[in-house]
Amino acid sequence: MTSFEIAAVEDALVRWSGAVAYIWSYGVSHRRLTLRMQRQGEPNNVHIVCTGCSYLQGKPLWPSSNLSFEKVATNDMSAQYALHDELGQFRALFTHATVEFDVAPIHAA
């Protein structure tokens, strides 16, 4: 991930802290996880799209998310990152993440 992509993920997580978080989709064949964050009563949303997922633990949704992002040590040459929310009992490990804003369907949560 580039420093710009890392900064975009970190910024989105700070701006959307406290929102409801959903495991929006997961594709096994591409190991692609999409988390959707949305505030109650607001139509706006943000998607954190994680590819190269090697680990996923969590509930399908949880209120008052407080996700954090970090680079984790690995035994191989590929970079590995983690999203986790201790109170939300969520953790994902992956190799790349991007941020998408106001993704359809757009509706109030």
C-alpha atoms as a PDB file:
ATOM      1  CA  MET A   1       0.000   0.000   0.000  1.00  0.00           C
ATOM      2  CA  THR A   2       1.191   3.509  -0.724  1.00  0.00           C
ATOM      3  CA  SER A   3       1.467   6.113   2.013  1.00  0.00           C
ATOM      4  CA  PHE A   4      -1.481   7.925   0.352  1.00  0.00           C
ATOM      5  CA  GLU A   5      -3.675   4.784   0.580  1.00  0.00           C
ATOM      6  CA  ILE A   6      -2.676   4.213   4.212  1.00  0.00           C
ATOM      7  CA  ALA A   7      -3.501   7.832   5.064  1.00  0.00           C
ATOM      8  CA  ALA A   8      -6.895   7.536   3.295  1.00  0.00           C
ATOM      9  CA  VAL A   9      -7.831   4.455   5.340  1.00  0.00           C
ATOM     10  CA  GLU A  10      -6.676   6.031   8.604  1.00  0.00           C
ATOM     11  CA  ASP A  11      -8.548   9.284   7.843  1.00  0.00           C
ATOM     12  CA  ALA A  12     -11.775   7.444   6.972  1.00  0.00           C
ATOM     13  CA  LEU A  13     -11.628   5.428  10.195  1.00  0.00           C
ATOM     14  CA  VAL A  14     -11.188   8.574  12.290  1.00  0.00           C
ATOM     15  CA  ARG A  15     -13.983  10.437  10.479  1.00  0.00           C
ATOM     16  CA  TRP A  16     -16.377   7.473  10.709  1.00  0.00           C
ATOM     17  CA  SER A  17     -15.593   6.408  14.281  1.00  0.00           C
ATOM     18  CA  GLY A  18     -18.818   5.711  16.153  1.00  0.00           C
ATOM     19  CA  ALA A  19     -20.738   4.673  13.043  1.00  0.00           C
ATOM     20  CA  VAL A  20     -22.450   1.311  12.650  1.00  0.00           C
ATOM     21  CA  ALA A  21     -20.080  -1.119  10.908  1.00  0.00           C
ATOM     22  CA  TYR A  22     -21.289  -3.938   8.664  1.00  0.00           C
ATOM     23  CA  ILE A  23     -19.478  -6.801   6.994  1.00  0.00           C
ATOM     24  CA  TRP A  24     -21.024  -5.793   3.683  1.00  0.00           C
ATOM     25  CA  SER A  25     -19.552  -8.541   1.536  1.00  0.00           C
ATOM     26  CA  TYR A  26     -16.864 -11.174   1.394  1.00  0.00           C
ATOM     27  CA  GLY A  27     -15.719 -12.986  -1.741  1.00  0.00           C
ATOM     28  CA  VAL A  28     -13.810 -16.173  -1.062  1.00  0.00           C
ATOM     29  CA  SER A  29     -12.301 -16.561  -4.540  1.00  0.00           C
ATOM     30  CA  HIS A  30     -10.639 -13.127  -4.422  1.00  0.00           C
ATOM     31  CA  ARG A  31     -10.334 -12.976  -0.615  1.00  0.00           C
ATOM     32  CA  ARG A  32     -12.038  -9.573  -0.770  1.00  0.00           C
ATOM     33  CA  LEU A  33     -13.769  -8.079   2.279  1.00  0.00           C
ATOM     34  CA  THR A  34     -15.919  -4.960   2.174  1.00  0.00           C
ATOM     35  CA  LEU A  35     -16.815  -3.185   5.412  1.00  0.00           C
ATOM     36  CA  ARG A  36     -19.544  -0.559   5.244  1.00  0.00           C
ATOM     37  CA  MET A  37     -19.777   2.173   7.860  1.00  0.00           C
ATOM     38  CA  GLN A  38     -22.872   4.336   8.188  1.00  0.00           C
ATOM     39  CA  ARG A  39     -24.278   6.648  10.832  1.00  0.00           C
ATOM     40  CA  GLN A  40     -27.825   6.179  12.100  1.00  0.00           C
ATOM     41  CA  GLY A  41     -30.288   8.343  10.139  1.00  0.00           C
ATOM     42  CA  GLU A  42     -27.727   9.507   7.553  1.00  0.00           C
ATOM     43  CA  PRO A  43     -27.583   8.420   3.905  1.00  0.00           C
ATOM     44  CA  ASN A  44     -23.789   8.817   3.556  1.00  0.00           C
ATOM     45  CA  ASN A  45     -21.502   5.812   3.926  1.00  0.00           C
ATOM     46  CA  VAL A  46     -17.930   4.681   3.520  1.00  0.00           C
ATOM     47  CA  HIS A  47     -16.619   1.315   2.335  1.00  0.00           C
ATOM     48  CA  ILE A  48     -13.251  -0.039   3.403  1.00  0.00           C
ATOM     49  CA  VAL A  49     -12.349  -2.647   0.774  1.00  0.00           C
ATOM     50  CA  CYS A  50      -9.691  -5.115   1.908  1.00  0.00           C
ATOM     51  CA  THR A  51      -8.072  -7.540  -0.538  1.00  0.00           C
ATOM     52  CA  GLY A  52      -5.816 -10.485   0.104  1.00  0.00           C
ATOM     53  CA  CYS A  53      -7.678 -11.320   3.322  1.00  0.00           C
ATOM     54  CA  SER A  54      -6.011 -14.111   5.256  1.00  0.00           C
ATOM     55  CA  TYR A  55      -7.991 -13.851   8.493  1.00  0.00           C
ATOM     56  CA  LEU A  56     -11.484 -12.642   9.396  1.00  0.00           C
ATOM     57  CA  GLN A  57     -13.215 -12.686  12.763  1.00  0.00           C
ATOM     58  CA  GLY A  58     -16.297 -10.759  13.766  1.00  0.00           C
ATOM     59  CA  LYS A  59     -20.001 -10.232  13.934  1.00  0.00           C
ATOM     60  CA  PRO A  60     -21.909  -9.245  10.773  1.00  0.00           C
ATOM     61  CA  LEU A  61     -22.570  -5.773  12.239  1.00  0.00           C
ATOM     62  CA  TRP A  62     -21.846  -3.796  15.369  1.00  0.00           C
ATOM     63  CA  PRO A  63     -22.821  -0.321  16.590  1.00  0.00           C
ATOM     64  CA  SER A  64     -20.418   2.397  17.690  1.00  0.00           C
ATOM     65  CA  SER A  65     -17.442   1.094  15.736  1.00  0.00           C
ATOM     66  CA  ASN A  66     -13.960   2.142  16.737  1.00  0.00           C
ATOM     67  CA  LEU A  67     -11.796   0.493  14.080  1.00  0.00           C
ATOM     68  CA  SER A  68      -8.051   0.898  14.072  1.00  0.00           C
ATOM     69  CA  PHE A  69      -5.594   0.156  11.295  1.00  0.00           C
ATOM     70  CA  GLU A  70      -2.025  -1.054  11.609  1.00  0.00           C
ATOM     71  CA  LYS A  71       0.789  -2.747   9.761  1.00  0.00           C
ATOM     72  CA  VAL A  72       1.625  -6.141  11.269  1.00  0.00           C
ATOM     73  CA  ALA A  73       4.809  -8.180  11.179  1.00  0.00           C
ATOM     74  CA  THR A  74       4.869 -11.211   8.884  1.00  0.00           C
ATOM     75  CA  ASN A  75       7.282 -14.021   8.127  1.00  0.00           C
ATOM     76  CA  ASP A  76       7.157 -13.527   4.362  1.00  0.00           C
ATOM     77  CA  MET A  77       7.975 -10.628   2.031  1.00  0.00           C
ATOM     78  CA  SER A  78       4.404  -9.365   1.545  1.00  0.00           C
ATOM     79  CA  ALA A  79       3.092  -6.550   3.697  1.00  0.00           C
ATOM     80  CA  GLN A  80       0.222  -7.431   5.993  1.00  0.00           C
ATOM     81  CA  TYR A  81      -2.237  -5.004   7.561  1.00  0.00           C
ATOM     82  CA  ALA A  82      -4.915  -5.351  10.229  1.00  0.00           C
ATOM     83  CA  LEU A  83      -8.234  -3.710  10.972  1.00  0.00           C
ATOM     84  CA  HIS A  84      -9.534  -4.356  14.456  1.00  0.00           C
ATOM     85  CA  ASP A  85     -12.163  -3.176  16.886  1.00  0.00           C
ATOM     86  CA  GLU A  86     -11.772  -4.627  20.353  1.00  0.00           C
ATOM     87  CA  LEU A  87     -15.265  -3.766  21.626  1.00  0.00           C
ATOM     88  CA  GLY A  88     -16.822  -4.827  18.320  1.00  0.00           C
ATOM     89  CA  GLN A  89     -14.921  -8.131  18.518  1.00  0.00           C
ATOM     90  CA  PHE A  90     -13.723  -7.689  14.933  1.00  0.00           C
ATOM     91  CA  ARG A  91     -10.346  -8.412  13.317  1.00  0.00           C
ATOM     92  CA  ALA A  92      -9.220  -8.793   9.711  1.00  0.00           C
ATOM     93  CA  LEU A  93      -5.764  -9.332   8.196  1.00  0.00           C
ATOM     94  CA  PHE A  94      -5.153  -8.391   4.552  1.00  0.00           C
ATOM     95  CA  THR A  95      -2.546  -7.144   2.081  1.00  0.00           C
ATOM     96  CA  HIS A  96      -4.272  -4.061   0.626  1.00  0.00           C
ATOM     97  CA  ALA A  97      -7.142  -1.671   1.401  1.00  0.00           C
ATOM     98  CA  THR A  98      -8.922   1.159  -0.385  1.00  0.00           C
ATOM     99  CA  VAL A  99     -11.643   3.608   0.636  1.00  0.00           C
ATOM    100  CA  GLU A 100     -14.862   4.328  -1.281  1.00  0.00           C
ATOM    101  CA  PHE A 101     -17.401   6.986  -0.256  1.00  0.00           C
ATOM    102  CA  ASP A 102     -21.190   7.056  -0.739  1.00  0.00           C
ATOM    103  CA  VAL A 103     -21.479   3.647  -2.371  1.00  0.00           C
ATOM    104  CA  ALA A 104     -24.891   2.482  -3.645  1.00  0.00           C
ATOM    105  CA  PRO A 105     -27.343   1.688  -2.284  1.00  0.00           C
ATOM    106  CA  ILE A 106     -27.523   5.031  -0.551  1.00  0.00           C
ATOM    107  CA  HIS A 107     -30.207   5.152   2.113  1.00  0.00           C
ATOM    108  CA  ALA A 108     -30.538   6.213   5.735  1.00  0.00           C
ATOM    109  CA  ALA A 109     -29.376   3.538   8.150  1.00  0.00           C
END
